[in-house]
Protein backbone atom coordinates (compact mmCIF):
# COMPACT_ATOMS: atom_id res chain seq x y z
CA MET A 1 223.24 -93.41 63.25
CA THR A 2 225.77 -96.09 63.48
CA SER A 3 228.95 -95.33 65.95
CA ALA A 4 232.01 -93.25 64.64
CA TYR A 5 234.18 -96.46 66.39
CA PRO A 6 232.96 -99.71 64.26
CA ILE A 7 232.45 -102.65 67.11
CA ALA A 8 234.76 -105.25 66.30
CA ILE A 9 232.87 -108.72 65.75
CA PRO A 10 234.63 -110.74 69.06
CA ASP A 11 233.37 -107.43 71.17
CA LEU A 12 229.71 -107.74 69.03
CA VAL A 13 229.20 -111.29 70.22
CA ASP A 14 230.03 -110.63 74.04
CA ARG A 15 227.79 -107.86 73.95
CA VAL A 16 224.95 -109.86 72.51
CA ARG A 17 225.60 -112.80 74.28
CA ASP A 18 225.25 -110.54 77.35
CA ARG A 19 222.32 -109.24 76.26
CA ALA A 20 220.85 -112.59 75.55
CA ALA A 21 221.43 -113.87 78.88
CA GLU A 22 219.82 -110.52 80.82
CA LEU A 23 216.67 -111.13 78.40
CA ARG A 24 217.12 -115.07 78.96
CA ALA A 25 215.95 -115.28 75.07
CA TRP A 26 217.24 -114.58 71.90
CA PRO A 27 217.21 -110.71 70.47
CA SER A 28 216.26 -110.80 67.16
CA ARG A 29 218.76 -108.80 64.44
CA ASN A 30 217.09 -105.87 64.16
CA GLN A 31 217.40 -105.51 68.09
CA VAL A 32 220.84 -106.34 67.85
CA MET A 33 221.53 -103.62 64.88
CA THR A 34 219.48 -101.26 66.80
CA GLU A 35 220.95 -101.39 70.35
CA PHE A 36 224.56 -102.07 68.99
CA ARG A 37 224.30 -99.67 66.02
CA VAL A 38 225.81 -102.48 63.70
CA GLY A 39 224.47 -103.33 60.08
CA ALA A 40 222.72 -106.52 59.43
CA PRO A 41 225.65 -108.85 57.94
CA LYS A 42 227.71 -108.12 61.43
CA ALA A 43 224.34 -108.64 63.62
CA LYS A 44 223.27 -111.86 61.86
CA ALA A 45 226.89 -112.96 62.33
CA ALA A 46 227.16 -112.46 65.90
CA LEU A 47 224.01 -114.16 66.18
CA ALA A 48 225.09 -117.28 64.17
CA ALA A 49 228.48 -117.41 66.03
CA LEU A 50 226.67 -117.78 69.60
CA ARG A 51 224.20 -120.56 68.19
CA GLU A 52 227.18 -122.13 66.58
CA ALA A 53 228.88 -122.50 69.60
CA GLY A 54 226.13 -123.93 71.81
CA PHE A 55 225.02 -120.83 73.77
CA ASP A 56 221.77 -120.82 75.32
CA PRO A 57 220.40 -117.90 76.35
CA THR A 58 217.88 -119.84 78.94
CA ASN A 59 220.86 -121.29 80.72
CA PRO A 60 223.72 -118.94 80.06
CA THR A 61 226.07 -120.94 82.82
CA ALA A 62 225.37 -124.19 80.99
CA THR A 63 227.72 -124.04 77.92
CA ALA A 64 230.81 -122.67 77.54
CA VAL A 65 230.91 -120.09 74.61
CA VAL A 66 233.69 -120.16 71.95
CA PRO A 67 232.85 -117.58 69.20
CA VAL A 68 232.95 -118.51 66.00
CA LEU A 69 233.80 -115.41 64.12
CA HIS A 70 232.60 -114.71 60.55
CA ALA A 71 234.58 -112.37 58.24
CA VAL A 72 232.16 -108.91 57.48
CA PRO A 73 233.17 -106.16 55.28
CA ASP A 74 233.56 -103.07 57.29
CA LEU A 75 231.00 -101.52 55.28
CA ALA A 76 228.74 -103.34 57.04
CA ASP A 77 228.89 -101.06 60.02
CA HIS A 78 227.73 -97.81 57.87
CA ALA A 79 224.34 -99.81 57.15
CA ALA A 80 221.27 -98.21 59.17
CA PRO A 81 218.78 -100.80 60.78
CA SER A 82 215.42 -100.68 58.64
CA ASP A 83 212.40 -100.09 60.55
CA SER A 84 210.02 -101.14 57.83
CA PRO A 85 207.41 -103.57 58.28
CA ASP A 86 209.25 -105.96 56.12
CA GLU A 87 211.66 -106.87 59.09
CA THR A 88 209.29 -107.46 62.05
CA ASP A 89 210.99 -109.09 65.07
CA ALA A 90 208.97 -111.86 64.21
CA THR A 91 210.47 -115.19 65.66
CA ASP A 92 209.49 -118.77 65.80
CA GLY A 93 210.68 -118.78 69.40
CA THR A 94 214.23 -119.26 68.60
CA GLY A 95 215.21 -116.04 67.58
CA THR A 96 215.61 -116.90 63.87
CA SER A 97 213.57 -114.43 61.95
CA ASP A 98 211.08 -115.85 59.05
CA VAL A 99 210.45 -112.48 57.01
CA PRO A 100 213.14 -112.33 54.73
CA ALA A 101 215.26 -108.97 54.79
CA SER A 102 215.26 -106.72 52.30
CA PRO A 103 218.06 -106.62 49.95
CA ASP A 104 220.04 -103.85 51.04
CA ALA A 105 220.32 -106.05 54.45
CA GLN A 106 221.50 -109.21 52.19
CA ASP A 107 224.19 -111.17 53.39
CA VAL A 108 227.90 -110.37 52.05
CA PRO A 109 228.53 -113.47 49.71
CA ALA A 110 231.65 -115.36 50.88
CA ALA A 111 233.82 -114.61 47.98
CA ALA A 112 233.58 -111.22 48.86
CA SER A 113 234.35 -111.42 52.31
CA SER A 114 237.49 -114.04 51.62
CA PRO A 115 240.81 -112.56 50.54
CA VAL A 116 241.46 -112.23 47.02
CA SER A 117 244.63 -113.83 45.66
CA PRO A 118 245.88 -111.46 42.58
CA VAL A 119 245.53 -113.21 39.16
CA ALA A 120 247.90 -112.46 36.59
CA ASP A 121 246.54 -111.04 33.94
CA PRO A 122 246.16 -112.98 30.64
CA GLY A 123 246.45 -110.11 28.56
CA ALA A 124 249.46 -108.64 29.80
CA ARG A 125 252.75 -108.60 28.26
CA ARG A 126 255.40 -110.29 29.53
CA PRO A 127 258.85 -108.87 29.83
CA ARG A 128 261.08 -109.99 27.32
CA VAL A 129 264.87 -110.87 27.82
CA PRO A 130 266.78 -109.70 25.03
CA ARG A 131 268.58 -111.32 22.27
CA TRP A 132 271.40 -109.16 21.14
CA PRO A 133 273.72 -110.98 23.83
CA LEU A 134 272.81 -114.29 21.78
CA LEU A 135 274.54 -112.72 18.39
CA LEU A 136 277.90 -112.44 19.85
CA ILE A 137 277.84 -115.67 21.35
CA ALA A 138 277.15 -116.90 17.72
CA ALA A 139 279.48 -114.25 15.92
CA GLY A 140 282.03 -116.34 18.13
CA ALA A 141 280.98 -119.56 18.01
CA PHE A 142 280.40 -118.98 14.12
CA VAL A 143 283.82 -118.34 13.45
CA SER A 144 285.29 -121.44 15.58
CA ILE A 145 283.09 -123.96 14.09
CA TRP A 146 283.25 -122.61 10.54
CA GLY A 147 286.74 -122.79 10.79
CA GLY A 148 287.17 -126.09 12.36
CA TRP A 149 284.50 -128.09 10.20
CA VAL A 150 285.96 -126.20 6.92
CA GLY A 151 289.70 -127.34 8.03
CA LEU A 152 288.38 -130.70 8.59
CA GLY A 153 287.02 -131.15 5.42
CA GLU A 154 290.55 -129.89 3.79
CA LEU A 155 292.13 -132.50 6.00
CA THR A 156 289.95 -135.37 4.57
CA GLY A 157 289.75 -134.44 1.14
CA PHE A 158 287.21 -131.72 0.58
CA GLY A 159 288.21 -129.30 -1.17
CA PRO A 160 287.61 -126.60 -4.57
CA ILE A 161 285.22 -128.09 -7.00
CA ARG A 162 283.96 -126.84 -10.42
CA LEU A 163 279.90 -127.20 -9.64
CA LEU A 164 278.61 -126.76 -13.37
CA PRO A 165 281.52 -128.20 -15.33
CA GLY A 166 280.86 -128.02 -19.11
CA ILE A 167 278.41 -125.30 -18.22
CA TRP A 168 280.24 -122.70 -16.10
CA ASP A 169 283.66 -124.08 -15.36
CA GLU A 170 284.31 -120.74 -13.61
CA PHE A 171 282.02 -121.64 -10.79
CA VAL A 172 284.19 -123.22 -8.67
CA ILE A 173 283.62 -123.31 -4.61
CA ASN A 174 284.97 -125.05 -1.77
CA SER A 175 282.89 -128.33 -0.85
CA ALA A 176 284.30 -128.01 2.86
CA ILE A 177 281.55 -125.42 3.44
CA THR A 178 278.79 -128.25 3.60
CA LEU A 179 280.42 -129.46 6.73
CA PRO A 180 279.37 -126.63 8.93
CA ILE A 181 276.40 -125.67 6.79
CA GLY A 182 274.63 -129.14 6.96
CA VAL A 183 275.59 -130.59 10.72
CA GLU A 184 275.04 -126.70 12.25
CA ALA A 185 271.88 -126.08 10.60
CA TYR A 186 270.58 -129.34 11.45
CA ALA A 187 270.94 -128.98 15.23
CA ALA A 188 269.39 -125.49 15.28
CA PHE A 189 266.33 -127.07 13.41
CA ALA A 190 266.14 -129.88 15.36
CA MET A 191 266.44 -128.34 18.29
CA TRP A 192 263.64 -125.83 17.82
CA ALA A 193 261.50 -128.80 16.80
CA TRP A 194 262.97 -130.47 20.14
CA LEU A 195 261.57 -126.95 22.37
CA ALA A 196 259.23 -125.54 20.37
CA PRO A 197 255.75 -124.76 22.27
CA THR A 198 252.63 -127.16 21.80
CA SER A 199 250.94 -124.24 19.74
CA ALA A 200 253.29 -124.99 17.09
CA GLY A 201 252.00 -128.61 16.50
CA VAL A 202 254.89 -130.56 16.60
CA SER A 203 253.57 -134.27 17.40
CA ARG A 204 255.00 -136.48 20.17
CA THR A 205 257.05 -138.32 17.83
CA ALA A 206 258.47 -135.36 16.32
CA ARG A 207 259.47 -133.84 19.05
CA ARG A 208 261.35 -137.28 20.39
CA PHE A 209 263.06 -137.77 17.02
CA ALA A 210 264.09 -133.78 17.50
CA ARG A 211 265.44 -133.92 21.04
CA TRP A 212 267.88 -137.04 20.31
CA SER A 213 268.86 -135.78 16.89
CA ALA A 214 269.96 -132.45 18.08
CA ILE A 215 271.71 -134.24 20.99
CA GLY A 216 273.77 -136.29 18.71
CA ALA A 217 274.12 -133.44 16.28
CA LEU A 218 276.01 -131.10 18.85
CA ALA A 219 277.87 -134.11 20.00
CA LEU A 220 279.09 -134.43 16.21
CA GLY A 221 279.85 -131.00 16.11
CA ALA A 222 282.00 -131.27 19.03
CA ALA A 223 284.17 -134.47 18.58
CA GLY A 224 284.59 -132.71 14.75
CA GLN A 225 286.03 -129.54 16.54
CA ILE A 226 287.79 -132.11 18.62
CA ALA A 227 289.32 -134.13 15.70
CA TYR A 228 290.41 -131.10 13.73
CA HIS A 229 292.80 -129.29 16.45
CA LEU A 230 294.08 -132.56 17.58
CA MET A 231 295.34 -132.92 14.02
CA VAL A 232 296.63 -129.79 13.31
CA ALA A 233 298.41 -129.57 16.75
CA ALA A 234 299.76 -133.09 15.87
CA GLY A 235 301.14 -131.67 12.48
CA VAL A 236 299.08 -134.47 10.28
CA SER A 237 298.35 -133.20 7.25
CA HIS A 238 295.76 -135.90 5.93
CA ALA A 239 293.41 -137.45 8.40
CA PRO A 240 293.49 -140.97 8.76
CA TRP A 241 290.51 -143.38 6.55
CA PRO A 242 288.10 -144.05 9.79
CA ILE A 243 287.80 -140.26 10.11
CA THR A 244 287.72 -139.24 6.35
CA ALA A 245 285.45 -142.18 5.59
CA PHE A 246 282.90 -141.00 8.65
CA VAL A 247 283.45 -137.22 7.40
CA ALA A 248 282.47 -137.97 3.92
CA CYS A 249 279.13 -139.53 5.20
CA LEU A 250 278.22 -136.87 6.87
CA PRO A 251 276.02 -134.76 4.33
CA VAL A 252 274.32 -137.87 3.49
CA VAL A 253 273.53 -138.37 7.20
CA VAL A 254 272.41 -134.86 7.71
CA LEU A 255 269.84 -134.84 4.64
CA GLY A 256 268.38 -137.51 5.45
CA CYS A 257 267.72 -136.79 9.34
CA GLY A 258 266.72 -133.22 7.94
CA ALA A 259 264.25 -135.06 5.38
CA ALA A 260 262.67 -137.72 8.08
CA LEU A 261 262.01 -134.52 11.20
CA ALA A 262 260.47 -132.45 8.13
CA HIS A 263 258.13 -135.06 7.05
CA LEU A 264 257.89 -136.00 10.87
CA ILE A 265 256.83 -132.17 11.98
CA HIS A 266 254.01 -132.15 8.81
CA ARG A 267 252.67 -135.49 10.16
CA PRO A 268 249.40 -134.88 12.20
CA GLY A 269 250.00 -136.89 15.59
CA GLU A 270 249.41 -136.02 19.18
CA THR A 271 250.83 -132.89 20.29
CA VAL A 272 252.40 -132.56 23.91
């Protein structure tokens, strides 16, 4: 039977040291297990600690013992000493047993005695951030951006046109809507390619192009809003020719950037 109050490793080391000093020899592991009612792992740990500290049972006052403690599970205290003939007290003079212990008395692996840090389960679902606030933000931005681009387009000569003259004369649209659709849609597309996960397969070249073109498209959109509101506040009915020329080129520039980014995305290359 084992003790109802398991002996701690430091106390066990002190008791084994005193017992070895009395015997003027190393006690065997089974002897320690029997006398102090501990399991095989604790008995072996106490003997190993004394040996590592340089304790000499034949001359116990010659060395200062500083026990080196080994982590041993508490369940080891409940292992009863074995009386089987396979675990005799045969020693080679140094107290080390030459007979292998039974499987039940084997040392506990270091991984089991060391603290295990918690590892996140890769299959666990991460909490997702709700996206409905983005809809409110996008709704407000849509009203402002759409109105600003359409107003700027009308100040620079964009307006109602017959899309299919001679075929469907009644089919009329306002060409100013091409500005918010083209510029802002491309900015969103480029941002996706820039911030896409590595699993999307976007190459390094495509990601770099998307990064700089997305920043440029957002800056261009901000500049267009500023220009429109400044001209409206100043009572301008027609935009100056440099602004008109620049705005007229935007659909072509956006088309070129969008086509180039699409080709880069579908071209194989190193992903990051």
